[in-house]
Every structure is written in C-alpha cells, then in structure tokens.
C-alpha cells in the first residue's frame, strides 16, 4: 500500500482501503474469526477466542485461502468497473502469517481505554511468519504444526524452511499454503 498511497489522493486511498478491509473482514468473521484491529492496511485477527473452537487452526487456514481468493476477485471487479487503473492496485498481493498455540486474550489497555486483544509468543510468531514471507517470495506462510492441526490433506502446500525466528530459541518448520487440495491450478503447482 505504500507504493499505491504515493499515487492516490488521501480520499481515494481511504475508499480503496475501506473496500478492501470490509470485504476481507467479512470473510474472517464468517469463518468464526475475531477481529482484533486494523494496522494501516493490515488486519489482525484470531480464532478460538472468546469462544473456543476445536477446529480453530482449520478455520484460520481456510480463512487465509478465502482471503487470497477474494483479493483476486476484488482485483477483477476493480478492473471491470474501471474504478482503479494503477497497475499496483490491479496486481496487488497480500501476505498472510498464521500460527496456532496458546495465547492470552482479554481486555487490555489503560483505565481510560481498553481493547479485547491477544498477546503471547505464538502471536509474535504469526507476525514473524507474515513478515518473513517477503524474504521467501511467498504470500501465505504458516507452521507445519498449524498445518497438521488443520488437516495436512486438506490443502496444497509446500515445505519452506526450518528456521529460528528473531526472539525465539527453537526452530520452527514452516510451509506455504497454496490453496485447497485438488482446487489449485496445475500450473501453479508446477512452480512449487
């Protein structure tokens, strides 16, 4: 969005951002996710709280797949409508980092203002997965453990790395999620 922001007026950028965030947030909520907050063009969400869901990892990975698919639909709509002409918008990509594990959720903040939010090591790892995906040239980065929890045969995926992320002492095996099993274009799978 930084590149896009340089080429649009503030009101145009807000309109684009609101359309993007609204469509993506609806998917998160429809998949039993809890919206934490927006940070600029980023959406932070979690699954399994305040109501615990045994399939929280599956809901999270399914949401990631649907978010990527929806971005492609949005770009086609924007192109067809002729609403946006910038190649940066019509070729926009989105990075996703998902991790599963124990976290603390609750009302946090000050006496004057509180938010229902999350924190913990597993939350930090999800953030590292998202930012680390840029170095690998991928767009949907998760841990192998999260994939196993969600259902290893439910998705098309590929092994990425065994890495010790900054601030962690033990390595994590990471994978890229490409889409649902049997629903990914064969040409994309050849690239993996």
N, C-alpha and C. Protein backbone atom coordinates (compact mmCIF):
# COMPACT_ATOMS: atom_id res chain seq x y z
N UNK A 1 0.80 -1.20 0.00
CA UNK A 1 0.00 0.00 0.00
C UNK A 1 0.85 1.26 0.00
N UNK A 2 2.10 1.18 0.41
CA UNK A 2 2.95 2.37 0.41
C UNK A 2 3.12 2.92 -1.00
N UNK A 3 3.37 2.04 -1.96
CA UNK A 3 3.54 2.46 -3.35
C UNK A 3 2.24 3.03 -3.89
N UNK A 4 1.13 2.37 -3.55
CA UNK A 4 -0.19 2.83 -4.00
C UNK A 4 -0.50 4.19 -3.39
N UNK A 5 -0.19 4.36 -2.11
CA UNK A 5 -0.51 5.61 -1.41
C UNK A 5 0.16 6.82 -2.04
N UNK A 6 1.35 6.62 -2.61
CA UNK A 6 2.07 7.71 -3.24
C UNK A 6 1.37 8.22 -4.50
N UNK A 7 0.54 7.36 -5.11
CA UNK A 7 -0.05 7.70 -6.40
C UNK A 7 -1.54 8.01 -6.33
N UNK A 8 -2.10 8.09 -5.11
CA UNK A 8 -3.52 8.38 -4.96
C UNK A 8 -3.71 9.54 -3.99
N UNK A 9 -4.88 10.17 -4.11
CA UNK A 9 -5.22 11.19 -3.12
C UNK A 9 -5.59 10.46 -1.82
N UNK A 10 -5.61 11.19 -0.73
CA UNK A 10 -5.96 10.59 0.56
C UNK A 10 -7.36 10.00 0.53
N UNK A 11 -8.32 10.71 -0.05
CA UNK A 11 -9.70 10.20 -0.08
C UNK A 11 -9.81 8.96 -0.97
N UNK A 12 -9.09 8.92 -2.08
CA UNK A 12 -9.10 7.72 -2.94
C UNK A 12 -8.51 6.53 -2.20
N UNK A 13 -7.42 6.76 -1.47
CA UNK A 13 -6.78 5.69 -0.73
C UNK A 13 -7.69 5.16 0.37
N UNK A 14 -8.36 6.05 1.08
CA UNK A 14 -9.29 5.63 2.13
C UNK A 14 -10.42 4.80 1.53
N UNK A 15 -10.95 5.22 0.39
CA UNK A 15 -12.03 4.47 -0.26
C UNK A 15 -11.56 3.07 -0.66
N UNK A 16 -10.38 2.97 -1.25
CA UNK A 16 -9.82 1.67 -1.63
C UNK A 16 -9.59 0.80 -0.41
N UNK A 17 -8.98 1.37 0.60
CA UNK A 17 -8.67 0.63 1.82
C UNK A 17 -9.94 0.14 2.51
N UNK A 18 -10.95 0.99 2.60
CA UNK A 18 -12.21 0.59 3.23
C UNK A 18 -12.89 -0.54 2.46
N UNK A 19 -12.86 -0.48 1.14
CA UNK A 19 -13.47 -1.55 0.34
C UNK A 19 -12.72 -2.87 0.55
N UNK A 20 -11.40 -2.81 0.53
CA UNK A 20 -10.58 -3.99 0.75
C UNK A 20 -10.79 -4.57 2.15
N UNK A 21 -10.68 -3.72 3.18
CA UNK A 21 -10.79 -4.19 4.56
C UNK A 21 -12.20 -4.72 4.86
N UNK A 22 -13.23 -4.08 4.32
CA UNK A 22 -14.60 -4.54 4.56
C UNK A 22 -14.82 -5.93 4.00
N UNK A 23 -14.39 -6.15 2.75
CA UNK A 23 -14.59 -7.45 2.11
C UNK A 23 -13.81 -8.54 2.84
N UNK A 24 -12.59 -8.25 3.24
CA UNK A 24 -11.75 -9.25 3.91
C UNK A 24 -12.23 -9.53 5.34
N UNK A 25 -12.66 -8.50 6.03
CA UNK A 25 -13.15 -8.68 7.41
C UNK A 25 -14.39 -9.56 7.43
N UNK A 26 -15.25 -9.39 6.46
CA UNK A 26 -16.46 -10.22 6.38
C UNK A 26 -16.09 -11.71 6.29
N UNK A 27 -15.06 -12.03 5.53
CA UNK A 27 -14.61 -13.42 5.41
C UNK A 27 -14.09 -13.93 6.75
N UNK A 28 -13.31 -13.12 7.43
CA UNK A 28 -12.78 -13.52 8.74
C UNK A 28 -13.92 -13.83 9.71
N UNK A 29 -14.88 -12.95 9.79
CA UNK A 29 -15.99 -13.13 10.72
C UNK A 29 -16.84 -14.34 10.33
N UNK A 30 -17.07 -14.54 9.03
CA UNK A 30 -17.85 -15.69 8.56
C UNK A 30 -17.17 -17.03 8.83
N UNK A 31 -15.86 -17.00 9.08
CA UNK A 31 -15.11 -18.23 9.39
C UNK A 31 -14.79 -18.32 10.89
N UNK A 32 -15.61 -17.67 11.70
CA UNK A 32 -15.51 -17.74 13.17
C UNK A 32 -14.26 -17.06 13.73
N UNK A 33 -13.74 -16.10 13.00
CA UNK A 33 -12.61 -15.34 13.48
C UNK A 33 -13.05 -14.15 14.30
N UNK A 34 -12.15 -13.65 15.12
CA UNK A 34 -12.39 -12.45 15.93
C UNK A 34 -11.46 -11.36 15.41
N UNK A 35 -12.04 -10.27 14.97
CA UNK A 35 -11.25 -9.14 14.51
C UNK A 35 -10.57 -8.50 15.71
N UNK A 36 -9.26 -8.39 15.67
CA UNK A 36 -8.51 -7.73 16.73
C UNK A 36 -8.43 -6.24 16.42
N UNK A 37 -7.79 -5.91 15.31
CA UNK A 37 -7.62 -4.50 14.95
C UNK A 37 -7.12 -4.39 13.52
N UNK A 38 -7.17 -3.16 13.02
CA UNK A 38 -6.55 -2.80 11.76
C UNK A 38 -5.30 -2.01 12.08
N UNK A 39 -4.23 -2.30 11.39
CA UNK A 39 -3.00 -1.51 11.49
C UNK A 39 -2.64 -1.06 10.08
N UNK A 40 -3.12 0.12 9.71
CA UNK A 40 -2.93 0.58 8.35
C UNK A 40 -3.69 -0.33 7.40
N UNK A 41 -2.96 -0.97 6.51
CA UNK A 41 -3.60 -1.88 5.55
C UNK A 41 -3.64 -3.32 6.06
N UNK A 42 -3.19 -3.56 7.28
CA UNK A 42 -3.14 -4.92 7.84
C UNK A 42 -4.36 -5.20 8.71
N UNK A 43 -4.77 -6.46 8.69
CA UNK A 43 -5.86 -6.93 9.54
C UNK A 43 -5.27 -7.94 10.51
N UNK A 44 -5.50 -7.74 11.80
CA UNK A 44 -5.08 -8.72 12.81
C UNK A 44 -6.34 -9.38 13.35
N UNK A 45 -6.33 -10.71 13.34
CA UNK A 45 -7.49 -11.48 13.79
C UNK A 45 -7.00 -12.74 14.49
N UNK A 46 -7.90 -13.35 15.27
CA UNK A 46 -7.56 -14.61 15.91
C UNK A 46 -8.78 -15.52 15.93
N UNK A 47 -8.52 -16.79 16.17
CA UNK A 47 -9.55 -17.82 16.12
C UNK A 47 -9.50 -18.62 17.42
N UNK A 48 -10.65 -19.03 17.89
CA UNK A 48 -10.69 -19.84 19.10
C UNK A 48 -10.89 -19.04 20.37
N UNK A 49 -11.15 -17.74 20.26
CA UNK A 49 -11.45 -16.91 21.42
C UNK A 49 -12.32 -15.76 20.93
N UNK A 50 -13.27 -15.28 21.67
CA UNK A 50 -13.59 -15.65 23.04
C UNK A 50 -14.28 -17.01 23.17
N UNK A 51 -14.74 -17.56 22.07
CA UNK A 51 -15.37 -18.89 22.11
C UNK A 51 -14.37 -19.88 21.53
N UNK A 52 -14.04 -20.91 22.30
CA UNK A 52 -13.08 -21.90 21.84
C UNK A 52 -13.72 -22.77 20.75
N UNK A 53 -12.96 -23.01 19.69
CA UNK A 53 -13.36 -23.91 18.62
C UNK A 53 -12.27 -24.94 18.45
N UNK A 54 -12.64 -26.19 18.51
CA UNK A 54 -11.65 -27.26 18.35
C UNK A 54 -10.94 -27.16 17.00
N UNK A 55 -11.65 -26.69 15.98
CA UNK A 55 -11.09 -26.60 14.63
C UNK A 55 -10.53 -25.20 14.33
N UNK A 56 -10.05 -24.50 15.35
CA UNK A 56 -9.58 -23.14 15.13
C UNK A 56 -8.47 -23.04 14.08
N UNK A 57 -7.57 -24.01 14.03
CA UNK A 57 -6.49 -23.97 13.04
C UNK A 57 -7.05 -24.12 11.63
N UNK A 58 -8.01 -25.00 11.46
CA UNK A 58 -8.65 -25.17 10.15
C UNK A 58 -9.40 -23.91 9.75
N UNK A 59 -10.13 -23.32 10.69
CA UNK A 59 -10.85 -22.08 10.37
C UNK A 59 -9.86 -20.99 9.94
N UNK A 60 -8.73 -20.91 10.62
CA UNK A 60 -7.74 -19.88 10.29
C UNK A 60 -7.14 -20.11 8.90
N UNK A 61 -6.73 -21.35 8.60
CA UNK A 61 -6.14 -21.62 7.29
C UNK A 61 -7.18 -21.48 6.18
N UNK A 62 -8.40 -21.95 6.43
CA UNK A 62 -9.46 -21.77 5.44
C UNK A 62 -9.68 -20.28 5.17
N UNK A 63 -9.67 -19.49 6.22
CA UNK A 63 -9.83 -18.05 6.07
C UNK A 63 -8.72 -17.48 5.20
N UNK A 64 -7.48 -17.90 5.45
CA UNK A 64 -6.36 -17.42 4.64
C UNK A 64 -6.54 -17.75 3.17
N UNK A 65 -6.97 -18.97 2.87
CA UNK A 65 -7.22 -19.36 1.47
C UNK A 65 -8.30 -18.47 0.87
N UNK A 66 -9.38 -18.27 1.62
CA UNK A 66 -10.50 -17.46 1.12
C UNK A 66 -10.12 -15.99 0.96
N UNK A 67 -9.28 -15.48 1.84
CA UNK A 67 -8.82 -14.10 1.72
C UNK A 67 -8.02 -13.90 0.44
N UNK A 68 -7.14 -14.86 0.13
CA UNK A 68 -6.34 -14.77 -1.10
C UNK A 68 -7.25 -14.84 -2.33
N UNK A 69 -8.21 -15.76 -2.30
CA UNK A 69 -9.15 -15.89 -3.43
C UNK A 69 -9.96 -14.61 -3.59
N UNK A 70 -10.39 -14.03 -2.48
CA UNK A 70 -11.20 -12.82 -2.53
C UNK A 70 -10.42 -11.63 -3.08
N UNK A 71 -9.13 -11.55 -2.76
CA UNK A 71 -8.32 -10.46 -3.31
C UNK A 71 -8.31 -10.55 -4.83
N UNK A 72 -8.20 -11.77 -5.36
CA UNK A 72 -8.22 -11.94 -6.83
C UNK A 72 -9.56 -11.48 -7.41
N UNK A 73 -10.66 -11.80 -6.72
CA UNK A 73 -11.99 -11.36 -7.17
C UNK A 73 -12.11 -9.84 -7.12
N UNK A 74 -11.59 -9.23 -6.05
CA UNK A 74 -11.63 -7.77 -5.94
C UNK A 74 -10.87 -7.12 -7.09
N UNK A 75 -9.71 -7.64 -7.42
CA UNK A 75 -8.90 -7.06 -8.49
C UNK A 75 -9.63 -7.16 -9.83
N UNK A 76 -10.29 -8.30 -10.09
CA UNK A 76 -11.07 -8.45 -11.33
C UNK A 76 -12.23 -7.45 -11.36
N UNK A 77 -12.89 -7.27 -10.22
CA UNK A 77 -14.01 -6.33 -10.12
C UNK A 77 -13.53 -4.91 -10.38
N UNK A 78 -12.42 -4.53 -9.72
CA UNK A 78 -11.89 -3.18 -9.90
C UNK A 78 -11.51 -2.92 -11.35
N UNK A 79 -10.93 -3.93 -12.00
CA UNK A 79 -10.54 -3.78 -13.40
C UNK A 79 -11.78 -3.64 -14.28
N UNK A 80 -12.79 -4.51 -14.05
CA UNK A 80 -14.02 -4.48 -14.85
C UNK A 80 -14.78 -3.17 -14.66
N UNK A 81 -14.82 -2.67 -13.44
CA UNK A 81 -15.51 -1.41 -13.14
C UNK A 81 -14.78 -0.20 -13.70
N UNK A 82 -13.49 -0.38 -13.99
CA UNK A 82 -12.69 0.74 -14.45
C UNK A 82 -12.46 1.76 -13.35
N UNK A 83 -12.68 1.31 -12.11
CA UNK A 83 -12.58 2.22 -10.97
C UNK A 83 -11.13 2.57 -10.66
N UNK A 84 -10.25 1.59 -10.78
CA UNK A 84 -8.83 1.80 -10.49
C UNK A 84 -8.01 1.39 -11.70
N UNK A 85 -7.04 2.22 -12.05
CA UNK A 85 -6.23 1.97 -13.22
C UNK A 85 -4.77 1.65 -12.87
N UNK A 86 -4.37 1.96 -11.65
CA UNK A 86 -2.97 1.75 -11.28
C UNK A 86 -2.62 0.27 -11.33
N UNK A 87 -1.51 -0.05 -11.98
CA UNK A 87 -1.08 -1.46 -12.05
C UNK A 87 -0.77 -2.00 -10.66
N UNK A 88 -0.33 -1.12 -9.74
CA UNK A 88 -0.04 -1.56 -8.37
C UNK A 88 -1.30 -2.07 -7.67
N UNK A 89 -2.45 -1.51 -8.01
CA UNK A 89 -3.72 -1.97 -7.42
C UNK A 89 -4.18 -3.25 -8.11
N UNK A 90 -4.12 -3.27 -9.43
CA UNK A 90 -4.62 -4.42 -10.19
C UNK A 90 -3.71 -5.64 -10.07
N UNK A 91 -2.47 -5.44 -9.59
CA UNK A 91 -1.54 -6.55 -9.36
C UNK A 91 -1.23 -6.73 -7.87
N UNK A 92 -2.06 -6.16 -7.01
CA UNK A 92 -1.81 -6.18 -5.57
C UNK A 92 -1.68 -7.61 -5.04
N UNK A 93 -0.77 -7.79 -4.11
CA UNK A 93 -0.58 -9.06 -3.41
C UNK A 93 -0.74 -8.81 -1.91
N UNK A 94 -1.00 -9.89 -1.19
CA UNK A 94 -1.23 -9.78 0.25
C UNK A 94 -0.49 -10.92 0.94
N UNK A 95 0.23 -10.58 2.02
CA UNK A 95 0.93 -11.60 2.79
C UNK A 95 0.11 -11.99 4.01
N UNK A 96 0.13 -13.29 4.33
CA UNK A 96 -0.59 -13.83 5.48
C UNK A 96 0.37 -14.67 6.31
N UNK A 97 0.35 -14.48 7.62
CA UNK A 97 1.09 -15.32 8.56
C UNK A 97 0.12 -15.88 9.59
N UNK A 98 0.10 -17.20 9.73
CA UNK A 98 -0.80 -17.85 10.68
C UNK A 98 -0.02 -18.84 11.53
N UNK A 99 -0.31 -18.80 12.83
CA UNK A 99 0.31 -19.73 13.77
C UNK A 99 -0.74 -20.17 14.79
N UNK A 100 -0.59 -21.36 15.31
CA UNK A 100 -1.51 -21.88 16.33
C UNK A 100 -0.75 -22.14 17.61
N UNK A 101 -1.42 -21.92 18.73
CA UNK A 101 -0.84 -22.17 20.02
C UNK A 101 -1.57 -21.39 21.08
N UNK A 102 -1.08 -21.49 22.29
CA UNK A 102 -1.71 -20.79 23.41
C UNK A 102 -1.37 -19.32 23.38
N UNK A 103 -2.38 -18.50 23.68
CA UNK A 103 -2.19 -17.06 23.75
C UNK A 103 -3.08 -16.54 24.87
N UNK A 104 -2.84 -15.32 25.25
CA UNK A 104 -3.67 -14.66 26.25
C UNK A 104 -4.59 -13.71 25.49
N UNK A 105 -5.89 -13.81 25.78
CA UNK A 105 -6.84 -12.86 25.21
C UNK A 105 -7.60 -12.20 26.34
N UNK A 106 -8.02 -11.00 26.12
CA UNK A 106 -8.80 -10.30 27.13
C UNK A 106 -8.77 -8.81 26.90
N UNK A 107 -9.43 -8.09 27.79
CA UNK A 107 -9.44 -6.64 27.72
C UNK A 107 -8.12 -6.11 28.27
N UNK A 108 -7.39 -5.43 27.40
CA UNK A 108 -6.08 -4.91 27.78
C UNK A 108 -5.99 -3.44 27.41
N UNK A 109 -5.26 -2.71 28.19
CA UNK A 109 -5.08 -1.29 27.92
C UNK A 109 -4.93 -0.51 29.20
N UNK A 110 -5.53 0.66 29.21
CA UNK A 110 -5.43 1.54 30.37
C UNK A 110 -6.79 1.67 31.03
N UNK A 111 -6.85 2.42 32.11
CA UNK A 111 -8.11 2.69 32.79
C UNK A 111 -9.05 3.49 31.89
N UNK A 112 -8.48 4.24 30.96
CA UNK A 112 -9.27 5.11 30.09
C UNK A 112 -9.75 4.43 28.81
N UNK A 113 -8.99 3.45 28.34
CA UNK A 113 -9.36 2.80 27.08
C UNK A 113 -8.82 1.37 27.05
N UNK A 114 -9.70 0.43 26.75
CA UNK A 114 -9.29 -0.97 26.66
C UNK A 114 -9.75 -1.57 25.35
N UNK A 115 -9.01 -2.57 24.89
CA UNK A 115 -9.37 -3.35 23.71
C UNK A 115 -9.36 -4.82 24.07
N UNK A 116 -10.27 -5.56 23.47
CA UNK A 116 -10.21 -7.02 23.57
C UNK A 116 -9.18 -7.45 22.53
N UNK A 117 -8.08 -8.01 23.00
CA UNK A 117 -6.97 -8.30 22.09
C UNK A 117 -6.25 -9.57 22.52
N UNK A 118 -5.14 -9.85 21.86
CA UNK A 118 -4.36 -11.06 22.13
C UNK A 118 -2.90 -10.68 22.32
N UNK A 119 -2.19 -11.57 23.02
CA UNK A 119 -0.75 -11.40 23.15
C UNK A 119 -0.11 -12.73 23.52
N UNK A 120 1.18 -12.83 23.29
CA UNK A 120 1.92 -14.02 23.63
C UNK A 120 2.91 -14.42 22.55
N UNK A 121 3.73 -15.40 22.89
CA UNK A 121 4.78 -15.87 21.99
C UNK A 121 4.22 -16.36 20.65
N UNK A 122 3.10 -17.08 20.70
CA UNK A 122 2.52 -17.63 19.47
C UNK A 122 1.99 -16.52 18.57
N UNK A 123 1.50 -15.44 19.16
CA UNK A 123 1.05 -14.28 18.39
C UNK A 123 2.25 -13.63 17.71
N UNK A 124 3.36 -13.49 18.45
CA UNK A 124 4.57 -12.92 17.88
C UNK A 124 5.08 -13.76 16.71
N UNK A 125 4.96 -15.08 16.84
CA UNK A 125 5.42 -15.94 15.75
C UNK A 125 4.57 -15.75 14.50
N UNK A 126 3.27 -15.57 14.65
CA UNK A 126 2.42 -15.31 13.49
C UNK A 126 2.87 -14.04 12.76
N UNK A 127 3.24 -13.03 13.53
CA UNK A 127 3.73 -11.79 12.95
C UNK A 127 5.05 -12.03 12.19
N UNK A 128 5.94 -12.82 12.78
CA UNK A 128 7.22 -13.14 12.12
C UNK A 128 6.99 -13.94 10.83
N UNK A 129 5.99 -14.81 10.84
CA UNK A 129 5.67 -15.59 9.64
C UNK A 129 5.21 -14.67 8.51
N UNK A 130 4.37 -13.70 8.86
CA UNK A 130 3.87 -12.76 7.84
C UNK A 130 5.03 -11.95 7.27
N UNK A 131 5.83 -11.34 8.13
CA UNK A 131 6.92 -10.51 7.63
C UNK A 131 7.99 -11.35 6.93
N UNK A 132 8.24 -12.57 7.43
CA UNK A 132 9.23 -13.45 6.83
C UNK A 132 8.84 -13.95 5.45
N UNK A 133 7.55 -13.96 5.17
CA UNK A 133 7.11 -14.46 3.86
C UNK A 133 7.68 -13.61 2.72
N UNK A 134 7.94 -12.35 2.99
CA UNK A 134 8.50 -11.47 1.96
C UNK A 134 9.88 -11.97 1.51
N UNK A 135 10.68 -12.43 2.46
CA UNK A 135 12.02 -12.92 2.12
C UNK A 135 11.97 -14.19 1.29
N UNK A 136 10.93 -14.99 1.49
CA UNK A 136 10.80 -16.24 0.73
C UNK A 136 10.05 -16.05 -0.58
N UNK A 137 9.47 -14.88 -0.80
CA UNK A 137 8.71 -14.64 -2.02
C UNK A 137 7.39 -15.40 -2.04
N UNK A 138 6.79 -15.58 -0.87
CA UNK A 138 5.52 -16.31 -0.77
C UNK A 138 4.48 -15.39 -0.14
N UNK A 139 3.23 -15.85 -0.15
CA UNK A 139 2.16 -14.98 0.34
C UNK A 139 1.31 -15.58 1.45
N UNK A 140 1.53 -16.85 1.79
CA UNK A 140 0.74 -17.48 2.85
C UNK A 140 1.65 -18.43 3.61
N UNK A 141 2.15 -17.97 4.73
CA UNK A 141 3.20 -18.64 5.50
C UNK A 141 2.63 -19.11 6.83
N UNK A 142 2.81 -20.38 7.15
CA UNK A 142 2.35 -20.92 8.42
C UNK A 142 3.34 -21.96 8.91
N UNK A 143 3.11 -22.48 10.09
CA UNK A 143 3.98 -23.53 10.61
C UNK A 143 3.45 -24.90 10.21
N UNK A 144 4.35 -25.85 10.17
CA UNK A 144 3.96 -27.23 9.87
C UNK A 144 3.01 -27.75 10.95
N UNK A 145 3.22 -27.36 12.20
CA UNK A 145 2.32 -27.79 13.28
C UNK A 145 0.90 -27.27 13.07
N UNK A 146 0.77 -26.03 12.63
CA UNK A 146 -0.57 -25.48 12.36
C UNK A 146 -1.22 -26.25 11.22
N UNK A 147 -0.45 -26.54 10.19
CA UNK A 147 -0.98 -27.33 9.06
C UNK A 147 -1.47 -28.69 9.54
N UNK A 148 -0.69 -29.36 10.39
CA UNK A 148 -1.11 -30.67 10.91
C UNK A 148 -2.40 -30.55 11.71
N UNK A 149 -2.51 -29.52 12.53
CA UNK A 149 -3.73 -29.32 13.32
C UNK A 149 -4.95 -29.09 12.42
N UNK A 150 -4.74 -28.37 11.32
CA UNK A 150 -5.85 -28.01 10.43
C UNK A 150 -6.24 -29.17 9.52
N UNK A 151 -5.31 -30.06 9.23
CA UNK A 151 -5.57 -31.18 8.33
C UNK A 151 -4.63 -31.14 7.15
N UNK A 152 -3.58 -31.90 7.24
CA UNK A 152 -2.50 -31.85 6.25
C UNK A 152 -2.96 -32.19 4.83
N UNK A 153 -4.00 -33.02 4.72
CA UNK A 153 -4.51 -33.41 3.41
C UNK A 153 -5.61 -32.49 2.89
N UNK A 154 -5.91 -31.45 3.62
CA UNK A 154 -6.96 -30.50 3.22
C UNK A 154 -6.43 -29.44 2.25
N UNK A 155 -5.10 -29.24 2.22
CA UNK A 155 -4.51 -28.13 1.48
C UNK A 155 -3.40 -28.60 0.54
N UNK A 156 -3.18 -27.78 -0.50
CA UNK A 156 -1.98 -27.91 -1.32
C UNK A 156 -0.94 -27.03 -0.62
N UNK A 157 0.23 -27.58 -0.34
CA UNK A 157 1.23 -26.84 0.41
C UNK A 157 2.62 -27.30 -0.01
N UNK A 158 3.60 -26.53 0.40
CA UNK A 158 4.99 -26.94 0.18
C UNK A 158 5.83 -26.51 1.37
N UNK A 159 6.83 -27.32 1.64
CA UNK A 159 7.76 -27.05 2.73
C UNK A 159 8.61 -25.83 2.37
N UNK A 160 8.79 -24.92 3.33
CA UNK A 160 9.58 -23.71 3.08
C UNK A 160 10.93 -23.76 3.78
N UNK A 161 10.93 -23.92 5.11
CA UNK A 161 12.21 -23.81 5.80
C UNK A 161 12.09 -24.32 7.24
N UNK A 162 13.23 -24.53 7.82
CA UNK A 162 13.37 -24.81 9.25
C UNK A 162 14.20 -23.65 9.78
N UNK A 163 13.56 -22.79 10.57
CA UNK A 163 14.18 -21.51 10.90
C UNK A 163 13.97 -21.15 12.37
N UNK A 164 14.96 -20.46 12.92
CA UNK A 164 14.81 -19.87 14.25
C UNK A 164 14.51 -18.39 14.02
N UNK A 165 13.30 -17.99 14.33
CA UNK A 165 12.90 -16.60 14.14
C UNK A 165 13.51 -15.73 15.24
N UNK A 166 13.68 -14.45 14.92
CA UNK A 166 14.21 -13.49 15.89
C UNK A 166 13.35 -13.50 17.15
N UNK A 167 14.01 -13.61 18.29
CA UNK A 167 13.31 -13.62 19.56
C UNK A 167 12.93 -15.02 20.04
N UNK A 168 13.23 -16.05 19.24
CA UNK A 168 12.90 -17.43 19.60
C UNK A 168 14.18 -18.24 19.73
N UNK A 169 14.13 -19.29 20.54
CA UNK A 169 15.33 -20.10 20.75
C UNK A 169 15.25 -21.44 20.03
N UNK A 170 14.07 -21.87 19.63
CA UNK A 170 13.92 -23.15 18.95
C UNK A 170 13.42 -22.93 17.52
N UNK A 171 13.85 -23.80 16.63
CA UNK A 171 13.45 -23.66 15.24
C UNK A 171 11.98 -24.05 15.05
N UNK A 172 11.43 -23.54 13.98
CA UNK A 172 10.07 -23.88 13.55
C UNK A 172 10.16 -24.33 12.10
N UNK A 173 9.42 -25.36 11.78
CA UNK A 173 9.31 -25.78 10.38
C UNK A 173 8.14 -25.01 9.78
N UNK A 174 8.39 -24.36 8.64
CA UNK A 174 7.34 -23.54 8.04
C UNK A 174 6.96 -24.07 6.66
N UNK A 175 5.73 -23.76 6.29
CA UNK A 175 5.20 -24.20 5.00
C UNK A 175 4.45 -23.04 4.35
N UNK A 176 4.27 -23.16 3.05
CA UNK A 176 3.42 -22.24 2.30
C UNK A 176 2.13 -22.97 1.96
N UNK A 177 1.01 -22.32 2.19
CA UNK A 177 -0.29 -22.84 1.79
C UNK A 177 -0.61 -22.25 0.42
N UNK A 178 -0.90 -23.12 -0.55
CA UNK A 178 -1.19 -22.67 -1.91
C UNK A 178 -2.69 -22.60 -2.16
N UNK A 179 -3.46 -23.46 -1.51
CA UNK A 179 -4.91 -23.48 -1.69
C UNK A 179 -5.47 -24.78 -1.15
N UNK A 180 -6.73 -25.02 -1.46
CA UNK A 180 -7.36 -26.28 -1.05
C UNK A 180 -6.88 -27.43 -1.93
N UNK A 181 -6.78 -28.61 -1.34
CA UNK A 181 -6.35 -29.81 -2.06
C UNK A 181 -7.25 -30.02 -3.28
N UNK A 182 -6.63 -30.21 -4.43
CA UNK A 182 -7.36 -30.50 -5.66
C UNK A 182 -8.04 -29.31 -6.30
N UNK A 183 -7.87 -28.11 -5.74
CA UNK A 183 -8.56 -26.92 -6.26
C UNK A 183 -7.58 -25.85 -6.74
N UNK A 184 -6.32 -26.25 -6.92
CA UNK A 184 -5.29 -25.29 -7.33
C UNK A 184 -4.88 -25.60 -8.76
N UNK A 185 -4.74 -24.55 -9.56
CA UNK A 185 -4.32 -24.68 -10.95
C UNK A 185 -3.02 -25.49 -11.03
N UNK A 186 -3.00 -26.47 -11.92
CA UNK A 186 -1.82 -27.35 -12.03
C UNK A 186 -0.55 -26.57 -12.39
N UNK A 187 -0.69 -25.48 -13.13
CA UNK A 187 0.49 -24.67 -13.47
C UNK A 187 1.11 -24.03 -12.23
N UNK A 188 0.27 -23.64 -11.28
CA UNK A 188 0.79 -23.07 -10.04
C UNK A 188 1.52 -24.14 -9.25
N UNK A 189 0.98 -25.34 -9.23
CA UNK A 189 1.62 -26.43 -8.50
C UNK A 189 2.98 -26.78 -9.11
N UNK A 190 3.12 -26.61 -10.42
CA UNK A 190 4.42 -26.87 -11.08
C UNK A 190 5.49 -25.91 -10.58
N UNK A 191 5.07 -24.70 -10.22
CA UNK A 191 6.02 -23.71 -9.72
C UNK A 191 6.56 -24.08 -8.36
N UNK A 192 5.78 -24.87 -7.61
CA UNK A 192 6.22 -25.26 -6.28
C UNK A 192 7.30 -26.29 -6.42
